[in-house]
Amino acid sequence: MSDPDDLIRAVEATLFASERALSPEEISRHLGGAMVRNALAELQRHYTGRGVELVERGGRWHFQTAGDLAHLLRREKEEVRRLSRAATEALAIIAYHEPVSRAEIEAIRGVQTAKGTLDVLMEAGWVRVAGRREVPGRPTIYATTPDFLAHFGLSSRRDLPGIDELRAAGLLDPVEDAYALLTGGEDGDRGPESEKEDESS
């Protein structure tokens, strides 16, 4: 496309029509190999401060509702599946320590992790198989996905909150300090209830 405006419009239309976030390479392939990074930057400037914004998460681009307007579009509905505590802990461990094996997840949690727990995270599109550890037995290792970053509004894993930020936000369990254990920030007693968590996973 010789006209820059035509390219910007084509990139805009491609992103609007896509059901998922796209990398510049994917957009370029869709548009016959066009160089799209300048068009993405121009679109991002154009949509800054508008009702929808063009954002980049984990190397992929998508449109999203402006943060201060999200409450207008939020629908009151029950989620089809809520993450269990075991799945939430496993997801946090993977995010902070990836790539990580199931055995390593269990070592950090201090309890066994049911196979179904990791299946739920992969079905949600937040965790992927990242290969195998080059040790005896070659265990499968897991990592987060671009969809995980997009869902939680992170540009990269460097944006994950630290333990001090979690505590300041009131997200740490005052008794068990569970998230401190997950992030490796502190040692702590998990308490007797943790041993029973995966029985229903």
C-alpha atoms as a PDB file:
ATOM      1  CA  MET A   1       0.000   0.000   0.000  1.00  0.00           C
ATOM      2  CA  SER A   2       1.612   3.235  -1.169  1.00  0.00           C
ATOM      3  CA  ASP A   3      -0.654   5.628   0.733  1.00  0.00           C
ATOM      4  CA  PRO A   4       0.210   5.739   4.468  1.00  0.00           C
ATOM      5  CA  ASP A   5      -3.380   6.625   5.315  1.00  0.00           C
ATOM      6  CA  ASP A   6      -4.629   3.540   3.480  1.00  0.00           C
ATOM      7  CA  LEU A   7      -2.200   1.375   5.465  1.00  0.00           C
ATOM      8  CA  ILE A   8      -3.305   2.902   8.771  1.00  0.00           C
ATOM      9  CA  ARG A   9      -6.944   2.245   7.890  1.00  0.00           C
ATOM     10  CA  ALA A  10      -6.125  -1.329   6.852  1.00  0.00           C
ATOM     11  CA  VAL A  11      -4.284  -2.008  10.122  1.00  0.00           C
ATOM     12  CA  GLU A  12      -7.174  -0.478  12.062  1.00  0.00           C
ATOM     13  CA  ALA A  13      -9.713  -2.653  10.247  1.00  0.00           C
ATOM     14  CA  THR A  14      -7.598  -5.788  10.749  1.00  0.00           C
ATOM     15  CA  LEU A  15      -7.379  -5.218  14.499  1.00  0.00           C
ATOM     16  CA  PHE A  16     -11.089  -4.435  14.833  1.00  0.00           C
ATOM     17  CA  ALA A  17     -12.040  -7.595  12.934  1.00  0.00           C
ATOM     18  CA  SER A  18      -9.709  -9.897  14.864  1.00  0.00           C
ATOM     19  CA  GLU A  19     -11.053 -11.906  17.792  1.00  0.00           C
ATOM     20  CA  ARG A  20      -7.640 -11.892  19.478  1.00  0.00           C
ATOM     21  CA  ALA A  21      -4.604  -9.690  19.907  1.00  0.00           C
ATOM     22  CA  LEU A  22      -2.217  -9.731  16.954  1.00  0.00           C
ATOM     23  CA  SER A  23       1.541  -9.312  16.650  1.00  0.00           C
ATOM     24  CA  PRO A  24       2.934  -6.866  14.069  1.00  0.00           C
ATOM     25  CA  GLU A  25       4.162  -9.866  12.083  1.00  0.00           C
ATOM     26  CA  GLU A  26       0.676 -11.367  11.952  1.00  0.00           C
ATOM     27  CA  ILE A  27      -0.827  -8.052  10.852  1.00  0.00           C
ATOM     28  CA  SER A  28       1.890  -7.683   8.221  1.00  0.00           C
ATOM     29  CA  ARG A  29       1.236 -11.144   6.796  1.00  0.00           C
ATOM     30  CA  HIS A  30      -2.481 -10.362   6.611  1.00  0.00           C
ATOM     31  CA  LEU A  31      -1.713  -7.185   4.670  1.00  0.00           C
ATOM     32  CA  GLY A  32       0.664  -8.731   2.163  1.00  0.00           C
ATOM     33  CA  GLY A  33       3.916  -8.050   3.969  1.00  0.00           C
ATOM     34  CA  ALA A  34       3.391  -4.343   4.620  1.00  0.00           C
ATOM     35  CA  MET A  35       5.527  -2.638   7.277  1.00  0.00           C
ATOM     36  CA  VAL A  36       2.988  -1.866  10.005  1.00  0.00           C
ATOM     37  CA  ARG A  37       4.901  -0.625  13.058  1.00  0.00           C
ATOM     38  CA  ASN A  38       4.633   3.067  12.148  1.00  0.00           C
ATOM     39  CA  ALA A  39       0.928   2.590  11.413  1.00  0.00           C
ATOM     40  CA  LEU A  40       0.439   0.965  14.835  1.00  0.00           C
ATOM     41  CA  ALA A  41       2.226   3.854  16.547  1.00  0.00           C
ATOM     42  CA  GLU A  42       0.078   6.376  14.682  1.00  0.00           C
ATOM     43  CA  LEU A  43      -3.115   4.516  15.552  1.00  0.00           C
ATOM     44  CA  GLN A  44      -2.077   4.336  19.209  1.00  0.00           C
ATOM     45  CA  ARG A  45      -1.587   8.118  19.258  1.00  0.00           C
ATOM     46  CA  HIS A  46      -4.916   8.649  17.487  1.00  0.00           C
ATOM     47  CA  TYR A  47      -6.869   6.586  20.035  1.00  0.00           C
ATOM     48  CA  THR A  48      -5.149   7.963  23.148  1.00  0.00           C
ATOM     49  CA  GLY A  49      -7.783   9.461  25.444  1.00  0.00           C
ATOM     50  CA  ARG A  50     -10.713   8.151  23.390  1.00  0.00           C
ATOM     51  CA  GLY A  51     -13.415   5.665  24.435  1.00  0.00           C
ATOM     52  CA  VAL A  52     -11.352   2.780  23.102  1.00  0.00           C
ATOM     53  CA  GLU A  53      -7.571   2.572  23.140  1.00  0.00           C
ATOM     54  CA  LEU A  54      -5.022   0.633  21.129  1.00  0.00           C
ATOM     55  CA  VAL A  55      -2.684  -1.171  23.523  1.00  0.00           C
ATOM     56  CA  GLU A  56       0.271  -3.510  23.203  1.00  0.00           C
ATOM     57  CA  ARG A  57       0.551  -6.434  25.611  1.00  0.00           C
ATOM     58  CA  GLY A  58       3.337  -8.977  25.353  1.00  0.00           C
ATOM     59  CA  GLY A  59       4.177  -7.995  21.789  1.00  0.00           C
ATOM     60  CA  ARG A  60       0.568  -8.224  20.595  1.00  0.00           C
ATOM     61  CA  TRP A  61      -1.841  -5.388  19.811  1.00  0.00           C
ATOM     62  CA  HIS A  62      -5.569  -5.038  20.435  1.00  0.00           C
ATOM     63  CA  PHE A  63      -8.285  -2.475  21.069  1.00  0.00           C
ATOM     64  CA  GLN A  64      -9.770  -2.249  24.548  1.00  0.00           C
ATOM     65  CA  THR A  65     -12.243  -0.032  26.365  1.00  0.00           C
ATOM     66  CA  ALA A  66     -10.633   2.932  28.105  1.00  0.00           C
ATOM     67  CA  GLY A  67     -10.018   2.065  31.731  1.00  0.00           C
ATOM     68  CA  ASP A  68     -12.172   4.862  33.112  1.00  0.00           C
ATOM     69  CA  LEU A  69     -15.163   3.700  31.018  1.00  0.00           C
ATOM     70  CA  ALA A  70     -14.956  -0.041  31.613  1.00  0.00           C
ATOM     71  CA  HIS A  71     -17.664   0.109  34.303  1.00  0.00           C
ATOM     72  CA  LEU A  72     -20.186   1.298  31.702  1.00  0.00           C
ATOM     73  CA  LEU A  73     -19.839  -1.901  29.680  1.00  0.00           C
ATOM     74  CA  ARG A  74     -19.387  -4.402  32.477  1.00  0.00           C
ATOM     75  CA  ARG A  75     -22.166  -6.969  32.482  1.00  0.00           C
ATOM     76  CA  GLU A  76     -23.370  -8.515  35.696  1.00  0.00           C
ATOM     77  CA  LYS A  77     -22.951 -12.197  35.011  1.00  0.00           C
ATOM     78  CA  GLU A  78     -21.463 -15.177  36.757  1.00  0.00           C
ATOM     79  CA  GLU A  79     -18.255 -16.460  35.287  1.00  0.00           C
ATOM     80  CA  VAL A  80     -18.553 -19.885  33.715  1.00  0.00           C
ATOM     81  CA  ARG A  81     -15.590 -21.133  35.710  1.00  0.00           C
ATOM     82  CA  ARG A  82     -13.818 -19.438  38.583  1.00  0.00           C
ATOM     83  CA  LEU A  83     -10.273 -20.436  39.387  1.00  0.00           C
ATOM     84  CA  SER A  84      -9.857 -22.563  42.484  1.00  0.00           C
ATOM     85  CA  ARG A  85      -7.334 -21.474  45.074  1.00  0.00           C
ATOM     86  CA  ALA A  86      -5.006 -24.222  43.844  1.00  0.00           C
ATOM     87  CA  ALA A  87      -5.246 -22.937  40.249  1.00  0.00           C
ATOM     88  CA  THR A  88      -4.709 -19.348  41.362  1.00  0.00           C
ATOM     89  CA  GLU A  89      -1.589 -20.326  43.288  1.00  0.00           C
ATOM     90  CA  ALA A  90      -0.268 -22.424  40.392  1.00  0.00           C
ATOM     91  CA  LEU A  91      -0.832 -19.524  37.979  1.00  0.00           C
ATOM     92  CA  ALA A  92       1.027 -17.123  40.277  1.00  0.00           C
ATOM     93  CA  ILE A  93       3.950 -19.534  40.614  1.00  0.00           C
ATOM     94  CA  ILE A  94       4.190 -20.014  36.846  1.00  0.00           C
ATOM     95  CA  ALA A  95       4.029 -16.261  36.248  1.00  0.00           C
ATOM     96  CA  TYR A  96       6.786 -15.465  38.737  1.00  0.00           C
ATOM     97  CA  HIS A  97       9.071 -18.452  38.119  1.00  0.00           C
ATOM     98  CA  GLU A  98       8.513 -19.552  34.496  1.00  0.00           C
ATOM     99  CA  PRO A  99       9.415 -21.807  32.891  1.00  0.00           C
ATOM    100  CA  VAL A 100       8.552 -24.195  35.708  1.00  0.00           C
ATOM    101  CA  SER A 101       7.689 -27.893  35.976  1.00  0.00           C
ATOM    102  CA  ARG A 102       4.800 -29.421  37.888  1.00  0.00           C
ATOM    103  CA  ALA A 103       7.241 -30.797  40.463  1.00  0.00           C
ATOM    104  CA  GLU A 104       8.678 -27.312  40.980  1.00  0.00           C
ATOM    105  CA  ILE A 105       5.177 -25.898  41.402  1.00  0.00           C
ATOM    106  CA  GLU A 106       4.475 -28.543  44.030  1.00  0.00           C
ATOM    107  CA  ALA A 107       7.759 -27.807  45.812  1.00  0.00           C
ATOM    108  CA  ILE A 108       6.822 -24.127  46.129  1.00  0.00           C
ATOM    109  CA  ARG A 109       3.208 -24.794  47.127  1.00  0.00           C
ATOM    110  CA  GLY A 110       4.148 -27.554  49.541  1.00  0.00           C
ATOM    111  CA  VAL A 111       1.321 -29.805  48.326  1.00  0.00           C
ATOM    112  CA  GLN A 112       0.608 -31.948  45.294  1.00  0.00           C
ATOM    113  CA  THR A 113      -0.978 -30.239  42.301  1.00  0.00           C
ATOM    114  CA  ALA A 114      -3.709 -32.139  40.487  1.00  0.00           C
ATOM    115  CA  LYS A 115      -3.274 -32.504  36.722  1.00  0.00           C
ATOM    116  CA  GLY A 116      -6.680 -30.911  36.252  1.00  0.00           C
ATOM    117  CA  THR A 117      -5.405 -27.706  37.847  1.00  0.00           C
ATOM    118  CA  LEU A 118      -2.920 -27.120  35.030  1.00  0.00           C
ATOM    119  CA  ASP A 119      -5.504 -28.233  32.446  1.00  0.00           C
ATOM    120  CA  VAL A 120      -7.864 -25.477  33.641  1.00  0.00           C
ATOM    121  CA  LEU A 121      -5.130 -22.860  33.215  1.00  0.00           C
ATOM    122  CA  MET A 122      -4.297 -24.083  29.724  1.00  0.00           C
ATOM    123  CA  GLU A 123      -7.980 -24.178  28.729  1.00  0.00           C
ATOM    124  CA  ALA A 124      -8.269 -20.566  29.882  1.00  0.00           C
ATOM    125  CA  GLY A 125      -5.415 -19.731  27.506  1.00  0.00           C
ATOM    126  CA  TRP A 126      -3.198 -18.312  30.256  1.00  0.00           C
ATOM    127  CA  VAL A 127      -0.634 -21.135  30.475  1.00  0.00           C
ATOM    128  CA  ARG A 128       1.155 -23.097  27.754  1.00  0.00           C
ATOM    129  CA  VAL A 129       3.559 -26.006  27.542  1.00  0.00           C
ATOM    130  CA  ALA A 130       6.989 -24.442  27.041  1.00  0.00           C
ATOM    131  CA  GLY A 131       8.959 -27.630  26.349  1.00  0.00           C
ATOM    132  CA  ARG A 132      10.764 -30.103  28.572  1.00  0.00           C
ATOM    133  CA  ARG A 133      13.448 -29.640  31.217  1.00  0.00           C
ATOM    134  CA  GLU A 134      16.751 -31.215  30.126  1.00  0.00           C
ATOM    135  CA  VAL A 135      17.096 -33.387  33.237  1.00  0.00           C
ATOM    136  CA  PRO A 136      16.391 -37.082  33.850  1.00  0.00           C
ATOM    137  CA  GLY A 137      12.763 -37.810  33.063  1.00  0.00           C
ATOM    138  CA  ARG A 138      12.562 -34.618  30.941  1.00  0.00           C
ATOM    139  CA  PRO A 139       9.539 -33.161  32.789  1.00  0.00           C
ATOM    140  CA  THR A 140       7.171 -30.837  30.974  1.00  0.00           C
ATOM    141  CA  ILE A 141       7.672 -27.167  31.813  1.00  0.00           C
ATOM    142  CA  TYR A 142       5.004 -24.450  31.735  1.00  0.00           C
ATOM    143  CA  ALA A 143       4.963 -20.725  31.007  1.00  0.00           C
ATOM    144  CA  THR A 144       2.375 -17.960  30.683  1.00  0.00           C
ATOM    145  CA  THR A 145       0.911 -16.778  27.359  1.00  0.00           C
ATOM    146  CA  PRO A 146       0.304 -13.375  25.718  1.00  0.00           C
ATOM    147  CA  ASP A 147      -3.380 -13.853  26.624  1.00  0.00           C
ATOM    148  CA  PHE A 148      -2.363 -13.946  30.302  1.00  0.00           C
ATOM    149  CA  LEU A 149      -0.592 -10.599  29.928  1.00  0.00           C
ATOM    150  CA  ALA A 150      -3.534  -9.087  28.045  1.00  0.00           C
ATOM    151  CA  HIS A 151      -6.121 -10.319  30.554  1.00  0.00           C
ATOM    152  CA  PHE A 152      -4.263  -8.828  33.512  1.00  0.00           C
ATOM    153  CA  GLY A 153      -3.279  -5.628  31.690  1.00  0.00           C
ATOM    154  CA  LEU A 154       0.461  -6.332  31.683  1.00  0.00           C
ATOM    155  CA  SER A 155       2.856  -5.246  28.939  1.00  0.00           C
ATOM    156  CA  SER A 156       5.344  -7.889  30.052  1.00  0.00           C
ATOM    157  CA  ARG A 157       6.168 -10.058  33.072  1.00  0.00           C
ATOM    158  CA  ARG A 158       8.356  -7.188  34.335  1.00  0.00           C
ATOM    159  CA  ASP A 159       5.083  -5.438  35.193  1.00  0.00           C
ATOM    160  CA  LEU A 160       4.076  -8.129  37.713  1.00  0.00           C
ATOM    161  CA  PRO A 161       3.675  -6.545  41.168  1.00  0.00           C
ATOM    162  CA  GLY A 162       6.295  -7.159  43.812  1.00  0.00           C
ATOM    163  CA  ILE A 163       5.551  -8.428  47.314  1.00  0.00           C
ATOM    164  CA  ASP A 164       5.597  -4.903  48.805  1.00  0.00           C
ATOM    165  CA  GLU A 165       3.043  -3.738  46.238  1.00  0.00           C
ATOM    166  CA  LEU A 166       0.804  -6.729  46.940  1.00  0.00           C
ATOM    167  CA  ARG A 167       0.951  -6.103  50.679  1.00  0.00           C
ATOM    168  CA  ALA A 168       0.260  -2.373  50.251  1.00  0.00           C
ATOM    169  CA  ALA A 169      -2.772  -3.188  48.104  1.00  0.00           C
ATOM    170  CA  GLY A 170      -4.122  -5.491  50.810  1.00  0.00           C
ATOM    171  CA  LEU A 171      -3.797  -8.587  48.639  1.00  0.00           C
ATOM    172  CA  LEU A 172      -1.718 -10.593  51.087  1.00  0.00           C
ATOM    173  CA  ASP A 173      -3.457 -12.963  53.466  1.00  0.00           C
ATOM    174  CA  PRO A 174      -2.771 -11.487  56.919  1.00  0.00           C
ATOM    175  CA  VAL A 175      -2.499 -14.947  58.455  1.00  0.00           C
ATOM    176  CA  GLU A 176      -0.655 -17.037  55.912  1.00  0.00           C
ATOM    177  CA  ASP A 177       0.902 -14.335  53.672  1.00  0.00           C
ATOM    178  CA  ALA A 178       0.138 -16.733  50.839  1.00  0.00           C
ATOM    179  CA  TYR A 179       1.298 -14.529  48.011  1.00  0.00           C
ATOM    180  CA  ALA A 180       4.618 -13.934  49.729  1.00  0.00           C
ATOM    181  CA  LEU A 181       5.190 -17.659  49.578  1.00  0.00           C
ATOM    182  CA  LEU A 182       4.220 -17.754  45.903  1.00  0.00           C
ATOM    183  CA  THR A 183       6.572 -14.992  44.855  1.00  0.00           C
ATOM    184  CA  GLY A 184       9.445 -16.422  46.874  1.00  0.00           C
ATOM    185  CA  GLY A 185       9.580 -13.227  48.922  1.00  0.00           C
ATOM    186  CA  GLU A 186       9.265 -14.798  52.346  1.00  0.00           C
ATOM    187  CA  ASP A 187       9.004 -18.164  54.026  1.00  0.00           C
ATOM    188  CA  GLY A 188       5.903 -19.029  55.937  1.00  0.00           C
ATOM    189  CA  ASP A 189       3.638 -21.704  57.353  1.00  0.00           C
ATOM    190  CA  ARG A 190       0.892 -22.471  54.860  1.00  0.00           C
ATOM    191  CA  GLY A 191      -1.515 -23.708  57.481  1.00  0.00           C
ATOM    192  CA  PRO A 192      -3.451 -26.973  57.714  1.00  0.00           C
ATOM    193  CA  GLU A 193      -6.111 -26.106  55.132  1.00  0.00           C
ATOM    194  CA  SER A 194      -3.609 -26.033  52.257  1.00  0.00           C
ATOM    195  CA  GLU A 195      -3.071 -29.781  52.399  1.00  0.00           C
ATOM    196  CA  LYS A 196      -6.670 -30.369  51.421  1.00  0.00           C
ATOM    197  CA  GLU A 197      -6.914 -27.904  48.554  1.00  0.00           C
ATOM    198  CA  ASP A 198      -6.337 -30.233  45.630  1.00  0.00           C
ATOM    199  CA  GLU A 199      -8.689 -32.953  46.764  1.00  0.00           C
ATOM    200  CA  SER A 200     -11.504 -31.304  44.820  1.00  0.00           C
ATOM    201  CA  SER A 201      -9.410 -30.108  41.846  1.00  0.00           C
END
